[in-house]
């Protein structure tokens, strides 16, 4: 749905809800794709979201299930808590197990147990199996529904079996297993359709398989799918038994989720903070990060206070000090963004960090020389003092060098310590560039004070 269309639909939705014109609301959204309805709901407050969801449930159960699958688990769980048990089980019979599991995980324990007990045995067991795995792993996002046949099956029987099969989320590949149910190969639908009917699957299957384990981190899964251009990737246990499949639509969700997390963490935000949250909730989520920022930012004022005597003797230093500190922060943030991105896609590791470090240091020094020379010349024109220009230029060169060094090392050190490289990187960088910038600029100012 385009932004302009979304604004119109959002306005109409709120108008119909406030008027109580629920029939008109249904007529508005009944032909929308489930993903568009999900996007619409994400812009509504909870009361409006619940009203729209109830209308969907009353009018079209199948579409409601599709919308529930499209919603973020954090948005879907509060809605589920407002429904009756029989309504919940009906919906959970419709949606795939890998979509139901994240929602159930967020529900109160007693409610989760009641839902699992009320569901039919097959979907309930599938969901329980997925909940057994840790969050953000292949086991949690995989689908337990897939096509798998014995590798001795011929093509004709395989096609018939696929035509009779139902309730399978992924039909991209046909997986082949041996007598012990171990994964031995994969056959694409194209291979299956163009092979002779009496050909055995083992004669046309691809044996060079890309697999992951249930405990594999979901970022690694997404990386493998992107790197090998797959539309689905099999999940196998320690005995190489096929236990599930992660499809490309789940991988896209993972990529979006991980990118959002990194952006939030680099901006010192709680990953659950949303524009629809109440001001009180947002304050509660943001204040710890702001307190941490206050702590890390306190070093720079102490440095400035130490050079109070220098500033009193040459007050014009204060005019240019923010430039030195700000440029260091911007340059460092550029480096951090590059390094965090490289870590996220698996291209930057501590062992091979020397090349990245040297490159960023060269970039930092090069940018420092260019910016330092420009600002040094500019300051000379303003105050007609070559020494102030020299001090400003040197301070910027040094601070951009430090920004490149620290901006490279902080994410790599955090990863080495098994912490999220995006978490706190910007705060630590700001502490270093602000304090080093102030120390360098005011220190050089003190050294050349008699020339100023």
Protein backbone atom coordinates (compact mmCIF):
# COMPACT_ATOMS: atom_id res chain seq x y z
CA UNK A 1 0.00 0.00 0.00
CA UNK A 2 1.42 3.37 -1.01
CA UNK A 3 2.01 6.01 1.64
CA UNK A 4 -0.66 8.31 0.25
CA UNK A 5 -3.22 5.49 0.09
CA UNK A 6 -2.29 4.39 3.61
CA UNK A 7 -2.93 7.89 4.96
CA UNK A 8 -6.38 7.98 3.34
CA UNK A 9 -7.30 4.47 4.53
CA UNK A 10 -5.95 5.20 8.02
CA UNK A 11 -8.06 8.35 8.26
CA UNK A 12 -11.18 6.53 7.02
CA UNK A 13 -10.58 3.61 9.39
CA UNK A 14 -10.39 5.88 12.42
CA UNK A 15 -13.45 7.81 11.25
CA UNK A 16 -15.54 4.64 10.86
CA UNK A 17 -14.39 3.29 14.24
CA UNK A 18 -15.28 6.55 16.01
CA UNK A 19 -18.68 6.61 14.28
CA UNK A 20 -19.32 2.94 15.10
CA UNK A 21 -19.83 2.29 11.38
CA UNK A 22 -18.35 -1.20 11.50
CA UNK A 23 -20.08 -2.42 8.30
CA UNK A 24 -18.48 0.42 6.38
CA UNK A 25 -15.16 -0.44 8.01
CA UNK A 26 -15.45 -4.03 6.76
CA UNK A 27 -16.34 -2.85 3.25
CA UNK A 28 -13.23 -0.66 3.33
CA UNK A 29 -10.74 -3.42 4.20
CA UNK A 30 -12.33 -6.65 2.96
CA UNK A 31 -10.49 -6.64 -0.37
CA UNK A 32 -7.13 -5.58 1.05
CA UNK A 33 -4.20 -7.97 1.15
CA UNK A 34 -3.44 -9.34 4.61
CA UNK A 35 -0.06 -7.59 4.59
CA UNK A 36 -1.75 -4.24 3.90
CA UNK A 37 -4.22 -4.78 6.75
CA UNK A 38 -1.31 -5.66 9.02
CA UNK A 39 0.46 -2.44 7.99
CA UNK A 40 -2.73 -0.48 8.65
CA UNK A 41 -3.10 -2.03 12.12
CA UNK A 42 0.47 -1.13 13.04
CA UNK A 43 -0.52 2.57 12.76
CA UNK A 44 -3.58 2.23 15.02
CA UNK A 45 -3.73 2.48 18.79
CA UNK A 46 -4.60 -0.73 20.61
CA UNK A 47 -8.33 -0.01 21.00
CA UNK A 48 -8.70 0.66 17.27
CA UNK A 49 -6.54 -2.34 16.42
CA UNK A 50 -8.73 -4.64 18.52
CA UNK A 51 -11.96 -3.36 16.95
CA UNK A 52 -10.63 -3.91 13.43
CA UNK A 53 -9.35 -7.38 14.34
CA UNK A 54 -12.73 -8.40 15.80
CA UNK A 55 -14.52 -7.26 12.63
CA UNK A 56 -12.12 -9.35 10.55
CA UNK A 57 -12.64 -12.35 12.82
CA UNK A 58 -16.42 -12.05 12.54
CA UNK A 59 -16.47 -11.66 8.76
CA UNK A 60 -13.57 -13.73 7.43
CA UNK A 61 -11.71 -16.23 9.62
CA UNK A 62 -9.17 -17.20 6.95
CA UNK A 63 -8.15 -13.61 6.25
CA UNK A 64 -7.92 -12.97 10.00
CA UNK A 65 -5.45 -15.82 10.27
CA UNK A 66 -3.39 -14.38 7.41
CA UNK A 67 -3.37 -10.95 9.10
CA UNK A 68 -2.32 -12.54 12.40
CA UNK A 69 0.61 -14.20 10.62
CA UNK A 70 1.68 -10.86 9.13
CA UNK A 71 1.56 -8.98 12.45
CA UNK A 72 4.64 -8.63 14.65
CA UNK A 73 4.41 -11.02 17.60
CA UNK A 74 4.63 -8.02 19.99
CA UNK A 75 1.52 -6.53 18.32
CA UNK A 76 -0.38 -9.81 17.96
CA UNK A 77 0.02 -11.09 21.55
CA UNK A 78 -2.00 -8.30 23.26
CA UNK A 79 -4.84 -8.86 20.77
CA UNK A 80 -4.83 -12.61 21.39
CA UNK A 81 -5.14 -12.01 25.14
CA UNK A 82 -8.47 -10.26 24.52
CA UNK A 83 -10.03 -13.21 22.65
CA UNK A 84 -11.92 -16.24 23.90
CA UNK A 85 -10.08 -19.55 24.12
CA UNK A 86 -12.11 -21.14 21.31
CA UNK A 87 -11.42 -18.13 19.07
CA UNK A 88 -7.69 -18.39 19.72
CA UNK A 89 -7.52 -22.10 18.94
CA UNK A 90 -9.48 -21.57 15.71
CA UNK A 91 -6.94 -18.98 14.60
CA UNK A 92 -3.95 -21.07 15.65
CA UNK A 93 -5.25 -23.96 13.56
CA UNK A 94 -5.13 -21.67 10.53
CA UNK A 95 -1.74 -20.00 10.89
CA UNK A 96 1.57 -21.87 10.44
CA UNK A 97 3.24 -23.22 13.58
CA UNK A 98 6.29 -21.00 13.12
CA UNK A 99 4.01 -17.94 13.23
CA UNK A 100 2.05 -19.19 16.25
CA UNK A 101 5.11 -19.99 18.40
CA UNK A 102 6.46 -16.40 18.78
CA UNK A 103 2.99 -15.16 19.75
CA UNK A 104 2.49 -17.91 22.32
CA UNK A 105 5.90 -17.16 23.81
CA UNK A 106 4.71 -13.67 24.75
CA UNK A 107 1.49 -14.82 26.46
CA UNK A 108 1.14 -15.50 30.22
CA UNK A 109 2.21 -19.05 31.09
CA UNK A 110 -1.23 -20.22 32.24
CA UNK A 111 -2.86 -18.87 29.07
CA UNK A 112 -0.21 -20.50 26.88
CA UNK A 113 -0.79 -23.89 28.53
CA UNK A 114 -4.57 -23.56 28.13
CA UNK A 115 -4.23 -22.77 24.42
CA UNK A 116 -1.87 -25.70 23.77
CA UNK A 117 -4.16 -28.06 25.67
CA UNK A 118 -7.21 -26.89 23.69
CA UNK A 119 -5.55 -27.22 20.29
CA UNK A 120 -5.64 -30.42 18.26
CA UNK A 121 -2.74 -32.79 18.86
CA UNK A 122 -0.81 -32.21 15.61
CA UNK A 123 -0.56 -28.40 15.55
CA UNK A 124 -0.11 -28.30 19.32
CA UNK A 125 2.86 -30.67 19.17
CA UNK A 126 4.40 -28.69 16.31
CA UNK A 127 4.14 -25.46 18.28
CA UNK A 128 5.53 -27.07 21.44
CA UNK A 129 8.50 -28.37 19.45
CA UNK A 130 9.26 -24.89 18.11
CA UNK A 131 8.94 -23.35 21.59
CA UNK A 132 11.57 -25.82 22.78
CA UNK A 133 14.23 -23.91 20.81
CA UNK A 134 15.83 -20.63 21.86
CA UNK A 135 14.59 -17.36 20.42
CA UNK A 136 16.29 -16.06 17.26
CA UNK A 137 17.42 -19.53 16.17
CA UNK A 138 16.61 -21.60 13.10
CA UNK A 139 14.53 -23.94 15.25
CA UNK A 140 12.23 -21.13 16.32
CA UNK A 141 11.54 -19.79 12.81
CA UNK A 142 11.48 -23.06 10.85
CA UNK A 143 8.31 -24.68 9.54
CA UNK A 144 7.82 -28.36 10.48
CA UNK A 145 5.75 -28.86 7.30
CA UNK A 146 7.77 -29.88 4.26
CA UNK A 147 7.91 -32.40 1.41
CA UNK A 148 10.23 -35.33 2.09
CA UNK A 149 10.22 -38.72 0.31
CA UNK A 150 12.45 -41.76 0.22
CA UNK A 151 15.25 -41.32 -2.32
CA UNK A 152 14.24 -44.58 -4.03
CA UNK A 153 10.81 -43.14 -4.94
CA UNK A 154 10.33 -42.61 -8.66
CA UNK A 155 9.31 -39.27 -10.17
CA UNK A 156 5.76 -40.32 -11.04
CA UNK A 157 4.99 -41.45 -7.48
CA UNK A 158 6.66 -38.34 -6.07
CA UNK A 159 4.43 -36.05 -8.15
CA UNK A 160 1.34 -37.99 -7.09
CA UNK A 161 2.39 -37.78 -3.42
CA UNK A 162 2.88 -34.03 -3.69
CA UNK A 163 -0.52 -33.58 -5.30
CA UNK A 164 -2.16 -35.48 -2.45
CA UNK A 165 -0.22 -33.67 0.27
CA UNK A 166 -1.85 -30.77 2.09
CA UNK A 167 -1.07 -28.22 4.79
CA UNK A 168 2.52 -27.77 3.65
CA UNK A 169 3.81 -24.20 3.82
CA UNK A 170 6.78 -24.66 1.49
CA UNK A 171 6.60 -26.34 -1.90
CA UNK A 172 9.85 -24.99 -3.33
CA UNK A 173 11.83 -28.20 -3.01
CA UNK A 174 11.26 -31.89 -2.53
CA UNK A 175 13.70 -33.28 0.04
CA UNK A 176 14.90 -36.85 -0.16
CA UNK A 177 15.73 -39.07 2.81
CA UNK A 178 17.27 -42.52 3.22
CA UNK A 179 15.96 -45.57 5.09
CA UNK A 180 16.93 -44.01 8.43
CA UNK A 181 15.09 -40.78 7.58
CA UNK A 182 18.36 -38.87 7.15
CA UNK A 183 18.48 -36.04 4.62
CA UNK A 184 20.46 -37.12 1.58
CA UNK A 185 19.41 -34.77 -1.20
CA UNK A 186 17.03 -32.21 -2.64
CA UNK A 187 15.08 -32.06 -5.90
CA UNK A 188 13.74 -28.79 -7.28
CA UNK A 189 10.25 -28.74 -8.76
CA UNK A 190 11.77 -27.97 -12.15
CA UNK A 191 13.93 -31.10 -12.02
CA UNK A 192 10.90 -33.12 -10.97
CA UNK A 193 8.66 -31.89 -13.78
CA UNK A 194 11.22 -32.43 -16.55
CA UNK A 195 12.44 -35.88 -15.44
CA UNK A 196 11.09 -39.13 -16.86
CA UNK A 197 8.27 -40.66 -14.76
CA UNK A 198 10.17 -43.86 -13.90
CA UNK A 199 13.38 -42.03 -12.85
CA UNK A 200 14.28 -42.45 -9.21
CA UNK A 201 14.73 -39.34 -7.10
CA UNK A 202 18.25 -40.36 -6.10
CA UNK A 203 19.30 -40.17 -9.76
CA UNK A 204 18.29 -36.51 -10.17
CA UNK A 205 18.69 -35.14 -6.65
CA UNK A 206 21.35 -32.63 -5.65
CA UNK A 207 23.60 -34.14 -3.00
CA UNK A 208 25.63 -31.01 -2.22
CA UNK A 209 23.30 -29.62 0.44
CA UNK A 210 23.36 -26.36 2.38
CA UNK A 211 21.84 -27.08 5.80
CA UNK A 212 21.60 -25.50 9.23
CA UNK A 213 20.94 -26.89 12.70
CA UNK A 214 18.01 -25.88 14.93
CA UNK A 215 20.42 -24.02 17.24
CA UNK A 216 21.92 -21.95 14.39
CA UNK A 217 21.43 -18.22 14.88
CA UNK A 218 18.75 -16.79 12.60
CA UNK A 219 21.20 -14.21 11.23
CA UNK A 220 23.46 -17.02 10.02
CA UNK A 221 20.44 -18.70 8.41
CA UNK A 222 19.53 -15.48 6.60
CA UNK A 223 23.13 -15.04 5.50
CA UNK A 224 23.24 -18.56 4.01
CA UNK A 225 19.95 -18.10 2.16
CA UNK A 226 21.17 -14.81 0.68
CA UNK A 227 24.67 -16.09 -0.14
CA UNK A 228 23.52 -19.28 -1.91
CA UNK A 229 20.40 -17.72 -3.52
CA UNK A 230 18.02 -20.19 -1.88
CA UNK A 231 14.27 -19.93 -1.44
CA UNK A 232 14.31 -22.41 1.45
CA UNK A 233 16.96 -24.04 3.62
CA UNK A 234 16.58 -27.40 5.42
CA UNK A 235 17.10 -27.68 9.18
CA UNK A 236 18.67 -30.96 10.38
CA UNK A 237 19.51 -32.33 13.81
CA UNK A 238 22.78 -33.95 14.97
CA UNK A 239 21.86 -37.22 13.18
CA UNK A 240 21.16 -35.30 9.94
CA UNK A 241 17.43 -35.97 10.29
CA UNK A 242 15.29 -33.36 8.57
CA UNK A 243 13.26 -31.54 11.25
CA UNK A 244 12.10 -28.40 9.44
CA UNK A 245 12.55 -25.86 6.68
CA UNK A 246 13.19 -22.11 6.87
CA UNK A 247 11.61 -20.36 3.88
CA UNK A 248 12.66 -17.13 2.24
CA UNK A 249 9.65 -15.19 3.59
CA UNK A 250 10.81 -15.97 7.13
CA UNK A 251 14.34 -14.94 6.17
CA UNK A 252 13.10 -11.57 4.90
CA UNK A 253 11.36 -11.05 8.25
CA UNK A 254 14.61 -11.91 10.03
CA UNK A 255 16.62 -9.46 7.93
CA UNK A 256 14.10 -6.69 8.64
CA UNK A 257 14.01 -7.54 12.34
CA UNK A 258 17.80 -7.63 12.71
CA UNK A 259 18.24 -4.40 10.74
CA UNK A 260 15.65 -2.69 12.96
CA UNK A 261 17.39 -3.98 16.08
CA UNK A 262 20.77 -2.66 14.92
CA UNK A 263 19.35 0.76 14.04
CA UNK A 264 17.57 0.99 17.41
CA UNK A 265 20.61 -0.10 19.37
CA UNK A 266 22.94 2.27 17.55
CA UNK A 267 20.51 5.06 18.42
CA UNK A 268 20.39 3.86 22.06
CA UNK A 269 16.75 2.79 21.87
CA UNK A 270 14.87 -0.18 23.28
CA UNK A 271 14.00 -2.46 20.34
CA UNK A 272 10.37 -2.69 21.54
CA UNK A 273 9.82 1.09 21.57
CA UNK A 274 7.04 2.04 19.14
CA UNK A 275 5.38 5.28 18.13
CA UNK A 276 2.03 3.82 19.30
CA UNK A 277 3.33 3.41 22.88
CA UNK A 278 2.11 5.79 25.55
CA UNK A 279 4.52 8.59 26.56
CA UNK A 280 4.99 6.94 29.95
CA UNK A 281 6.08 3.64 28.33
CA UNK A 282 8.51 5.40 26.02
CA UNK A 283 10.00 7.40 28.89
CA UNK A 284 10.46 4.18 30.87
CA UNK A 285 12.20 2.51 27.92
CA UNK A 286 14.42 5.44 26.95
CA UNK A 287 15.55 6.83 30.30
CA UNK A 288 18.10 4.04 31.03
CA UNK A 289 19.86 4.71 27.71
CA UNK A 290 19.80 8.45 28.32
CA UNK A 291 21.31 7.94 31.77
CA UNK A 292 24.07 5.85 30.19
CA UNK A 293 24.60 8.59 27.60
CA UNK A 294 24.78 11.17 30.39
CA UNK A 295 27.42 9.08 32.12
CA UNK A 296 29.58 8.66 29.00
CA UNK A 297 29.16 12.29 27.97
CA UNK A 298 30.30 13.60 31.37
CA UNK A 299 34.00 13.15 30.59
CA UNK A 300 34.15 15.95 27.99
CA UNK A 301 32.91 18.70 30.38
CA UNK A 302 35.55 17.60 32.90
CA UNK A 303 38.24 18.00 30.23
CA UNK A 304 36.93 21.44 29.28
CA UNK A 305 36.81 22.45 32.96
CA UNK A 306 40.46 21.44 33.34
CA UNK A 307 41.42 24.02 30.66
CA UNK A 308 39.27 26.77 32.14
CA UNK A 309 42.32 29.02 32.57
CA UNK A 310 43.26 28.70 28.89
CA UNK A 311 39.72 29.51 27.80
CA UNK A 312 39.61 32.59 30.02
CA UNK A 313 42.78 33.91 28.40
CA UNK A 314 41.63 33.20 24.83
CA UNK A 315 37.86 32.96 24.73
CA UNK A 316 37.73 32.41 20.94
CA UNK A 317 38.78 28.79 21.49
CA UNK A 318 35.22 28.11 22.67
CA UNK A 319 33.88 29.22 19.26
CA UNK A 320 35.66 26.40 17.42
CA UNK A 321 35.59 23.68 20.11
CA UNK A 322 32.13 22.32 19.11
CA UNK A 323 33.37 21.86 15.53
CA UNK A 324 36.24 19.62 16.63
CA UNK A 325 33.98 17.50 18.85
CA UNK A 326 31.11 17.27 16.35
CA UNK A 327 33.29 16.29 13.37
CA UNK A 328 34.91 13.53 15.41
CA UNK A 329 31.48 12.16 16.33
CA UNK A 330 30.21 12.22 12.75
CA UNK A 331 33.36 10.55 11.38
CA UNK A 332 33.27 7.92 14.12
CA UNK A 333 29.60 7.17 13.47
CA UNK A 334 30.40 6.62 9.79
CA UNK A 335 33.08 4.10 10.74
CA UNK A 336 30.84 2.33 13.25
CA UNK A 337 28.02 2.06 10.70
CA UNK A 338 30.41 0.43 8.21
CA UNK A 339 31.93 -1.99 10.74
CA UNK A 340 28.59 -2.99 12.33
CA UNK A 341 27.18 -3.65 8.87
CA UNK A 342 30.21 -5.78 7.93
CA UNK A 343 29.87 -7.75 11.19
CA UNK A 344 26.16 -8.27 10.53
CA UNK A 345 26.80 -9.84 7.12
CA UNK A 346 29.74 -11.86 8.40
CA UNK A 347 32.48 -9.94 6.59
CA UNK A 348 34.31 -8.48 9.63
CA UNK A 349 35.89 -10.66 12.31
CA UNK A 350 38.42 -9.82 15.03
CA UNK A 351 41.00 -12.16 13.50
CA UNK A 352 40.96 -10.37 10.14
CA UNK A 353 40.33 -6.87 11.46
CA UNK A 354 43.78 -5.45 10.60
CA UNK A 355 42.81 -4.60 7.02
CA UNK A 356 39.59 -2.84 8.09
CA UNK A 357 41.43 -0.99 10.86
CA UNK A 358 44.21 0.26 8.57
CA UNK A 359 41.73 1.30 5.91
CA UNK A 360 39.58 3.30 8.36
CA UNK A 361 42.66 4.93 9.91
CA UNK A 362 43.87 6.05 6.47
CA UNK A 363 40.38 7.37 5.69
CA UNK A 364 40.25 9.16 9.04
CA UNK A 365 43.65 10.80 8.55
CA UNK A 366 42.84 11.72 4.94
CA UNK A 367 39.51 13.29 5.89
CA UNK A 368 41.19 15.00 8.84
CA UNK A 369 43.83 16.60 6.61
CA UNK A 370 41.23 17.88 4.14
CA UNK A 371 38.72 19.14 6.74
CA UNK A 372 41.48 20.39 9.03
CA UNK A 373 43.10 22.40 6.23
CA UNK A 374 39.78 23.95 5.20
CA UNK A 375 38.78 24.91 8.73
CA UNK A 376 42.29 26.03 9.59
CA UNK A 377 42.26 28.42 6.63
CA UNK A 378 38.72 29.54 7.45
CA UNK A 379 39.61 30.31 11.08
CA UNK A 380 42.68 32.27 9.92
CA UNK A 381 40.42 34.46 7.76
CA UNK A 382 38.09 35.09 10.69
CA UNK A 383 40.58 35.84 13.50
CA UNK A 384 43.68 36.62 11.38
CA UNK A 385 45.81 34.30 13.51
CA UNK A 386 47.73 31.48 11.75
CA UNK A 387 48.38 29.65 15.02
CA UNK A 388 44.67 29.25 15.74
CA UNK A 389 44.24 27.79 12.26
CA UNK A 390 47.15 25.41 12.88
CA UNK A 391 45.72 24.33 16.24
CA UNK A 392 42.26 23.74 14.76
CA UNK A 393 43.63 21.79 11.78
CA UNK A 394 45.85 19.55 13.93
CA UNK A 395 43.07 18.94 16.45
CA UNK A 396 40.67 17.81 13.72
CA UNK A 397 43.29 15.53 12.12
CA UNK A 398 44.00 13.90 15.48
CA UNK A 399 40.32 13.59 16.43
CA UNK A 400 39.31 12.05 13.11
CA UNK A 401 42.18 9.60 13.46
CA UNK A 402 40.92 8.66 16.95
CA UNK A 403 37.35 8.46 15.63
CA UNK A 404 38.42 5.97 12.94
CA UNK A 405 40.47 3.94 15.40
CA UNK A 406 37.84 3.80 18.12
CA UNK A 407 34.95 3.43 15.65
CA UNK A 408 36.61 0.29 14.28
CA UNK A 409 37.73 -1.22 17.57
CA UNK A 410 34.59 -0.72 19.70
CA UNK A 411 32.24 -2.97 17.62
CA UNK A 412 34.97 -5.60 17.18
CA UNK A 413 35.78 -5.67 20.90
CA UNK A 414 32.07 -5.92 21.78
CA UNK A 415 31.73 -8.85 19.36
CA UNK A 416 34.82 -10.48 20.88
CA UNK A 417 33.13 -10.18 24.29
CA UNK A 418 30.01 -11.79 22.77
CA UNK A 419 28.01 -8.58 23.12
CA UNK A 420 25.93 -6.93 20.42
CA UNK A 421 28.34 -4.71 18.40
CA UNK A 422 25.63 -2.09 17.87
CA UNK A 423 24.74 -1.82 21.56
CA UNK A 424 26.43 1.17 23.21
CA UNK A 425 28.91 1.72 20.37
CA UNK A 426 27.73 5.25 19.66
CA UNK A 427 27.79 6.24 23.35
CA UNK A 428 31.32 4.95 23.85
CA UNK A 429 32.44 6.60 20.62
CA UNK A 430 30.94 9.95 21.65
CA UNK A 431 32.73 9.75 24.98
CA UNK A 432 36.06 9.18 23.22
CA UNK A 433 35.73 11.71 20.37
CA UNK A 434 34.31 14.48 22.56
CA UNK A 435 36.89 14.09 25.31
CA UNK A 436 39.84 13.54 22.91
CA UNK A 437 38.68 16.44 20.72
CA UNK A 438 38.44 18.78 23.68
CA UNK A 439 41.73 17.53 25.14
CA UNK A 440 43.59 17.90 21.83
CA UNK A 441 42.20 21.30 20.86
CA UNK A 442 42.48 22.90 24.30
CA UNK A 443 45.80 21.18 24.99
CA UNK A 444 47.28 22.60 21.77
CA UNK A 445 45.70 25.92 22.64
CA UNK A 446 47.49 25.88 26.00
CA UNK A 447 50.76 24.94 24.30
CA UNK A 448 50.51 27.84 21.83
CA UNK A 449 48.79 30.22 24.22
CA UNK A 450 51.55 32.81 24.04
CA UNK A 451 51.13 32.87 20.22
CA UNK A 452 47.38 33.43 20.41
